[in-house]
Amino acid sequence: MNYYITITDQETGLETVLTKPAAESAARFTASRWRAVLEMENLSVKAYNNGAEYRRLLKAQSKRRKK
């Protein structure tokens, strides 16, 4: 199963996709490195499943960018 990494903004509560779906071990390793080295907080690793939530998040992101 594939997993992807998202970050949640504390002020607005908006969730942003940071990576494409990848293997679970790769996604978890990347998230742990970003937390340790870049000191990023509010990261979460989510399952891709059928991709509906992933596509919904990407669609919302592109709408925010176009404003």
PDB file of N, CA and C in Angstrom:
ATOM      1  N   MET A   1       0.845  -1.177   0.000  1.00  0.00           N
ATOM      2  CA  MET A   1       0.000   0.000   0.000  1.00  0.00           C
ATOM      3  C   MET A   1       0.890   1.240   0.000  1.00  0.00           C
ATOM      4  N   ASN A   2       0.418   2.292  -0.623  1.00  0.00           N
ATOM      5  CA  ASN A   2       1.166   3.536  -0.708  1.00  0.00           C
ATOM      6  C   ASN A   2       0.714   4.535   0.353  1.00  0.00           C
ATOM      7  N   TYR A   3       1.635   5.408   0.724  1.00  0.00           N
ATOM      8  CA  TYR A   3       1.394   6.434   1.733  1.00  0.00           C
ATOM      9  C   TYR A   3       1.942   7.758   1.235  1.00  0.00           C
ATOM     10  N   TYR A   4       1.367   8.863   1.716  1.00  0.00           N
ATOM     11  CA  TYR A   4       1.849  10.189   1.352  1.00  0.00           C
ATOM     12  C   TYR A   4       1.920  11.046   2.604  1.00  0.00           C
ATOM     13  N   ILE A   5       2.672  12.146   2.524  1.00  0.00           N
ATOM     14  CA  ILE A   5       2.904  13.019   3.681  1.00  0.00           C
ATOM     15  C   ILE A   5       2.136  14.323   3.493  1.00  0.00           C
ATOM     16  N   THR A   6       1.459  14.747   4.564  1.00  0.00           N
ATOM     17  CA  THR A   6       0.755  16.025   4.545  1.00  0.00           C
ATOM     18  C   THR A   6       1.213  16.865   5.738  1.00  0.00           C
ATOM     19  N   ILE A   7       0.971  18.151   5.652  1.00  0.00           N
ATOM     20  CA  ILE A   7       1.235  19.060   6.763  1.00  0.00           C
ATOM     21  C   ILE A   7      -0.031  19.874   6.987  1.00  0.00           C
ATOM     22  N   THR A   8      -0.349  20.139   8.249  1.00  0.00           N
ATOM     23  CA  THR A   8      -1.545  20.891   8.597  1.00  0.00           C
ATOM     24  C   THR A   8      -1.136  22.237   9.182  1.00  0.00           C
ATOM     25  N   ASP A   9      -1.709  23.300   8.666  1.00  0.00           N
ATOM     26  CA  ASP A   9      -1.457  24.644   9.166  1.00  0.00           C
ATOM     27  C   ASP A   9      -2.249  24.838  10.453  1.00  0.00           C
ATOM     28  N   GLN A  10      -1.585  25.254  11.518  1.00  0.00           N
ATOM     29  CA  GLN A  10      -2.231  25.408  12.821  1.00  0.00           C
ATOM     30  C   GLN A  10      -3.257  26.542  12.825  1.00  0.00           C
ATOM     31  N   GLU A  11      -2.972  27.629  12.143  1.00  0.00           N
ATOM     32  CA  GLU A  11      -3.850  28.790  12.192  1.00  0.00           C
ATOM     33  C   GLU A  11      -5.150  28.573  11.410  1.00  0.00           C
ATOM     34  N   THR A  12      -5.025  28.055  10.196  1.00  0.00           N
ATOM     35  CA  THR A  12      -6.202  27.932   9.333  1.00  0.00           C
ATOM     36  C   THR A  12      -6.780  26.527   9.310  1.00  0.00           C
ATOM     37  N   GLY A  13      -5.983  25.538   9.683  1.00  0.00           N
ATOM     38  CA  GLY A  13      -6.444  24.157   9.663  1.00  0.00           C
ATOM     39  C   GLY A  13      -6.408  23.525   8.285  1.00  0.00           C
ATOM     40  N   LEU A  14      -5.781  24.202   7.321  1.00  0.00           N
ATOM     41  CA  LEU A  14      -5.693  23.674   5.961  1.00  0.00           C
ATOM     42  C   LEU A  14      -4.620  22.591   5.886  1.00  0.00           C
ATOM     43  N   GLU A  15      -4.932  21.548   5.150  1.00  0.00           N
ATOM     44  CA  GLU A  15      -4.013  20.430   4.985  1.00  0.00           C
ATOM     45  C   GLU A  15      -3.398  20.497   3.586  1.00  0.00           C
ATOM     46  N   THR A  16      -2.075  20.340   3.514  1.00  0.00           N
ATOM     47  CA  THR A  16      -1.356  20.434   2.254  1.00  0.00           C
ATOM     48  C   THR A  16      -0.575  19.158   2.001  1.00  0.00           C
ATOM     49  N   VAL A  17      -0.694  18.608   0.803  1.00  0.00           N
ATOM     50  CA  VAL A  17       0.048  17.408   0.423  1.00  0.00           C
ATOM     51  C   VAL A  17       1.474  17.808   0.077  1.00  0.00           C
ATOM     52  N   LEU A  18       2.458  17.090   0.633  1.00  0.00           N
ATOM     53  CA  LEU A  18       3.857  17.402   0.371  1.00  0.00           C
ATOM     54  C   LEU A  18       4.538  16.412  -0.557  1.00  0.00           C
ATOM     55  N   THR A  19       4.055  15.174  -0.622  1.00  0.00           N
ATOM     56  CA  THR A  19       4.730  14.153  -1.431  1.00  0.00           C
ATOM     57  C   THR A  19       3.733  13.365  -2.274  1.00  0.00           C
ATOM     58  N   LYS A  20       4.262  12.696  -3.272  1.00  0.00           N
ATOM     59  CA  LYS A  20       3.467  11.746  -4.048  1.00  0.00           C
ATOM     60  C   LYS A  20       3.380  10.453  -3.250  1.00  0.00           C
ATOM     61  N   PRO A  21       2.400   9.606  -3.518  1.00  0.00           N
ATOM     62  CA  PRO A  21       2.307   8.330  -2.820  1.00  0.00           C
ATOM     63  C   PRO A  21       3.558   7.473  -3.055  1.00  0.00           C
ATOM     64  N   ALA A  22       4.052   6.860  -1.976  1.00  0.00           N
ATOM     65  CA  ALA A  22       5.238   6.005  -2.032  1.00  0.00           C
ATOM     66  C   ALA A  22       5.036   4.851  -1.053  1.00  0.00           C
ATOM     67  N   ALA A  23       6.007   3.969  -1.001  1.00  0.00           N
ATOM     68  CA  ALA A  23       5.946   2.843  -0.073  1.00  0.00           C
ATOM     69  C   ALA A  23       5.904   3.361   1.368  1.00  0.00           C
ATOM     70  N   GLU A  24       5.299   2.577   2.247  1.00  0.00           N
ATOM     71  CA  GLU A  24       5.139   3.013   3.634  1.00  0.00           C
ATOM     72  C   GLU A  24       6.478   3.319   4.303  1.00  0.00           C
ATOM     73  N   SER A  25       7.462   2.450   4.125  1.00  0.00           N
ATOM     74  CA  SER A  25       8.756   2.666   4.768  1.00  0.00           C
ATOM     75  C   SER A  25       9.412   3.952   4.281  1.00  0.00           C
ATOM     76  N   ALA A  26       9.313   4.229   3.001  1.00  0.00           N
ATOM     77  CA  ALA A  26       9.898   5.455   2.443  1.00  0.00           C
ATOM     78  C   ALA A  26       9.187   6.691   2.982  1.00  0.00           C
ATOM     79  N   ALA A  27       7.868   6.652   3.047  1.00  0.00           N
ATOM     80  CA  ALA A  27       7.106   7.803   3.541  1.00  0.00           C
ATOM     81  C   ALA A  27       7.389   8.060   5.018  1.00  0.00           C
ATOM     82  N   ARG A  28       7.417   7.005   5.814  1.00  0.00           N
ATOM     83  CA  ARG A  28       7.698   7.178   7.246  1.00  0.00           C
ATOM     84  C   ARG A  28       9.122   7.670   7.475  1.00  0.00           C
ATOM     85  N   PHE A  29      10.085   7.151   6.717  1.00  0.00           N
ATOM     86  CA  PHE A  29      11.473   7.592   6.847  1.00  0.00           C
ATOM     87  C   PHE A  29      11.596   9.061   6.475  1.00  0.00           C
ATOM     88  N   THR A  30      10.978   9.466   5.371  1.00  0.00           N
ATOM     89  CA  THR A  30      11.029  10.855   4.929  1.00  0.00           C
ATOM     90  C   THR A  30      10.414  11.781   5.971  1.00  0.00           C
ATOM     91  N   ALA A  31       9.273  11.394   6.514  1.00  0.00           N
ATOM     92  CA  ALA A  31       8.618  12.217   7.534  1.00  0.00           C
ATOM     93  C   ALA A  31       9.500  12.345   8.781  1.00  0.00           C
ATOM     94  N   SER A  32      10.129  11.267   9.193  1.00  0.00           N
ATOM     95  CA  SER A  32      10.985  11.330  10.386  1.00  0.00           C
ATOM     96  C   SER A  32      12.203  12.210  10.138  1.00  0.00           C
ATOM     97  N   ARG A  33      12.762  12.149   8.925  1.00  0.00           N
ATOM     98  CA  ARG A  33      13.917  13.001   8.599  1.00  0.00           C
ATOM     99  C   ARG A  33      13.512  14.473   8.568  1.00  0.00           C
ATOM    100  N   TRP A  34      12.357  14.769   7.988  1.00  0.00           N
ATOM    101  CA  TRP A  34      11.903  16.163   7.946  1.00  0.00           C
ATOM    102  C   TRP A  34      11.641  16.693   9.343  1.00  0.00           C
ATOM    103  N   ARG A  35      11.087  15.844  10.224  1.00  0.00           N
ATOM    104  CA  ARG A  35      10.843  16.280  11.604  1.00  0.00           C
ATOM    105  C   ARG A  35      12.160  16.564  12.317  1.00  0.00           C
ATOM    106  N   ALA A  36      13.158  15.692  12.124  1.00  0.00           N
ATOM    107  CA  ALA A  36      14.426  15.817  12.840  1.00  0.00           C
ATOM    108  C   ALA A  36      15.322  16.909  12.251  1.00  0.00           C
ATOM    109  N   VAL A  37      15.551  16.859  10.961  1.00  0.00           N
ATOM    110  CA  VAL A  37      16.520  17.763  10.336  1.00  0.00           C
ATOM    111  C   VAL A  37      15.935  19.147  10.077  1.00  0.00           C
ATOM    112  N   LEU A  38      14.740  19.206   9.505  1.00  0.00           N
ATOM    113  CA  LEU A  38      14.126  20.487   9.162  1.00  0.00           C
ATOM    114  C   LEU A  38      13.240  21.046  10.267  1.00  0.00           C
ATOM    115  N   GLU A  39      13.071  20.266  11.319  1.00  0.00           N
ATOM    116  CA  GLU A  39      12.247  20.648  12.473  1.00  0.00           C
ATOM    117  C   GLU A  39      10.827  21.028  12.063  1.00  0.00           C
ATOM    118  N   MET A  40      10.263  20.270  11.127  1.00  0.00           N
ATOM    119  CA  MET A  40       8.884  20.494  10.697  1.00  0.00           C
ATOM    120  C   MET A  40       7.941  19.809  11.677  1.00  0.00           C
ATOM    121  N   GLU A  41       6.895  20.501  12.046  1.00  0.00           N
ATOM    122  CA  GLU A  41       5.890  19.935  12.936  1.00  0.00           C
ATOM    123  C   GLU A  41       4.590  19.765  12.157  1.00  0.00           C
ATOM    124  N   ASN A  42       3.651  19.084  12.738  1.00  0.00           N
ATOM    125  CA  ASN A  42       2.317  18.868  12.161  1.00  0.00           C
ATOM    126  C   ASN A  42       2.348  18.042  10.877  1.00  0.00           C
ATOM    127  N   LEU A  43       3.367  17.178  10.734  1.00  0.00           N
ATOM    128  CA  LEU A  43       3.428  16.266   9.589  1.00  0.00           C
ATOM    129  C   LEU A  43       2.621  15.019   9.913  1.00  0.00           C
ATOM    130  N   SER A  44       1.972  14.470   8.910  1.00  0.00           N
ATOM    131  CA  SER A  44       1.283  13.199   9.113  1.00  0.00           C
ATOM    132  C   SER A  44       1.462  12.332   7.869  1.00  0.00           C
ATOM    133  N   VAL A  45       1.552  11.028   8.104  1.00  0.00           N
ATOM    134  CA  VAL A  45       1.678  10.055   7.028  1.00  0.00           C
ATOM    135  C   VAL A  45       0.313   9.408   6.872  1.00  0.00           C
ATOM    136  N   LYS A  46      -0.247   9.507   5.670  1.00  0.00           N
ATOM    137  CA  LYS A  46      -1.598   8.997   5.429  1.00  0.00           C
ATOM    138  C   LYS A  46      -1.586   7.922   4.351  1.00  0.00           C
ATOM    139  N   ALA A  47      -2.484   6.956   4.506  1.00  0.00           N
ATOM    140  CA  ALA A  47      -2.609   5.881   3.522  1.00  0.00           C
ATOM    141  C   ALA A  47      -3.284   6.397   2.263  1.00  0.00           C
ATOM    142  N   TYR A  48      -2.810   5.955   1.110  1.00  0.00           N
ATOM    143  CA  TYR A  48      -3.361   6.383  -0.174  1.00  0.00           C
ATOM    144  C   TYR A  48      -4.706   5.717  -0.455  1.00  0.00           C
ATOM    145  N   ASN A  49      -4.871   4.450  -0.071  1.00  0.00           N
ATOM    146  CA  ASN A  49      -6.087   3.664  -0.330  1.00  0.00           C
ATOM    147  C   ASN A  49      -6.495   3.756  -1.788  1.00  0.00           C
ATOM    148  N   ASN A  50      -7.683   4.284  -2.074  1.00  0.00           N
ATOM    149  CA  ASN A  50      -8.111   4.397  -3.473  1.00  0.00           C
ATOM    150  C   ASN A  50      -7.805   5.777  -4.054  1.00  0.00           C
ATOM    151  N   GLY A  51      -7.235   6.672  -3.261  1.00  0.00           N
ATOM    152  CA  GLY A  51      -6.791   7.970  -3.744  1.00  0.00           C
ATOM    153  C   GLY A  51      -7.818   9.074  -3.721  1.00  0.00           C
ATOM    154  N   ALA A  52      -9.011   8.811  -3.234  1.00  0.00           N
ATOM    155  CA  ALA A  52     -10.063   9.835  -3.244  1.00  0.00           C
ATOM    156  C   ALA A  52      -9.683  11.037  -2.385  1.00  0.00           C
ATOM    157  N   GLU A  53      -9.214  10.795  -1.166  1.00  0.00           N
ATOM    158  CA  GLU A  53      -8.842  11.908  -0.286  1.00  0.00           C
ATOM    159  C   GLU A  53      -7.622  12.645  -0.834  1.00  0.00           C
ATOM    160  N   TYR A  54      -6.671  11.901  -1.366  1.00  0.00           N
ATOM    161  CA  TYR A  54      -5.467  12.495  -1.951  1.00  0.00           C
ATOM    162  C   TYR A  54      -5.843  13.448  -3.091  1.00  0.00           C
ATOM    163  N   ARG A  55      -6.701  12.997  -3.987  1.00  0.00           N
ATOM    164  CA  ARG A  55      -7.131  13.845  -5.104  1.00  0.00           C
ATOM    165  C   ARG A  55      -7.924  15.058  -4.622  1.00  0.00           C
ATOM    166  N   ARG A  56      -8.754  14.863  -3.586  1.00  0.00           N
ATOM    167  CA  ARG A  56      -9.529  15.979  -3.038  1.00  0.00           C
ATOM    168  C   ARG A  56      -8.594  17.046  -2.464  1.00  0.00           C
ATOM    169  N   LEU A  57      -7.543  16.616  -1.744  1.00  0.00           N
ATOM    170  CA  LEU A  57      -6.591  17.561  -1.177  1.00  0.00           C
ATOM    171  C   LEU A  57      -5.823  18.305  -2.263  1.00  0.00           C
ATOM    172  N   LEU A  58      -5.392  17.598  -3.309  1.00  0.00           N
ATOM    173  CA  LEU A  58      -4.676  18.251  -4.405  1.00  0.00           C
ATOM    174  C   LEU A  58      -5.564  19.256  -5.134  1.00  0.00           C
ATOM    175  N   LYS A  59      -6.824  18.920  -5.306  1.00  0.00           N
ATOM    176  CA  LYS A  59      -7.763  19.822  -5.974  1.00  0.00           C
ATOM    177  C   LYS A  59      -7.944  21.107  -5.154  1.00  0.00           C
ATOM    178  N   ALA A  60      -8.079  20.966  -3.833  1.00  0.00           N
ATOM    179  CA  ALA A  60      -8.232  22.129  -2.961  1.00  0.00           C
ATOM    180  C   ALA A  60      -6.968  22.984  -2.973  1.00  0.00           C
ATOM    181  N   GLN A  61      -5.795  22.336  -3.013  1.00  0.00           N
ATOM    182  CA  GLN A  61      -4.538  23.068  -3.068  1.00  0.00           C
ATOM    183  C   GLN A  61      -4.438  23.916  -4.327  1.00  0.00           C
ATOM    184  N   SER A  62      -4.787  23.336  -5.461  1.00  0.00           N
ATOM    185  CA  SER A  62      -4.668  24.080  -6.719  1.00  0.00           C
ATOM    186  C   SER A  62      -5.671  25.242  -6.753  1.00  0.00           C
ATOM    187  N   LYS A  63      -6.823  25.089  -6.137  1.00  0.00           N
ATOM    188  CA  LYS A  63      -7.778  26.195  -6.054  1.00  0.00           C
ATOM    189  C   LYS A  63      -7.209  27.343  -5.213  1.00  0.00           C
ATOM    190  N   ARG A  64      -6.534  27.001  -4.094  1.00  0.00           N
ATOM    191  CA  ARG A  64      -5.935  28.030  -3.246  1.00  0.00           C
ATOM    192  C   ARG A  64      -4.827  28.770  -3.974  1.00  0.00           C
ATOM    193  N   ARG A  65      -4.048  28.061  -4.781  1.00  0.00           N
ATOM    194  CA  ARG A  65      -2.952  28.663  -5.514  1.00  0.00           C
ATOM    195  C   ARG A  65      -3.437  29.611  -6.605  1.00  0.00           C
ATOM    196  N   LYS A  66      -4.598  29.306  -7.205  1.00  0.00           N
ATOM    197  CA  LYS A  66      -5.101  30.103  -8.320  1.00  0.00           C
ATOM    198  C   LYS A  66      -5.720  31.425  -7.869  1.00  0.00           C
ATOM    199  N   LYS A  67      -6.037  31.558  -6.585  1.00  0.00           N
ATOM    200  CA  LYS A  67      -6.668  32.792  -6.094  1.00  0.00           C
ATOM    201  C   LYS A  67      -5.775  33.990  -6.260  1.00  0.00           C
TER     202      LYS A  67
END
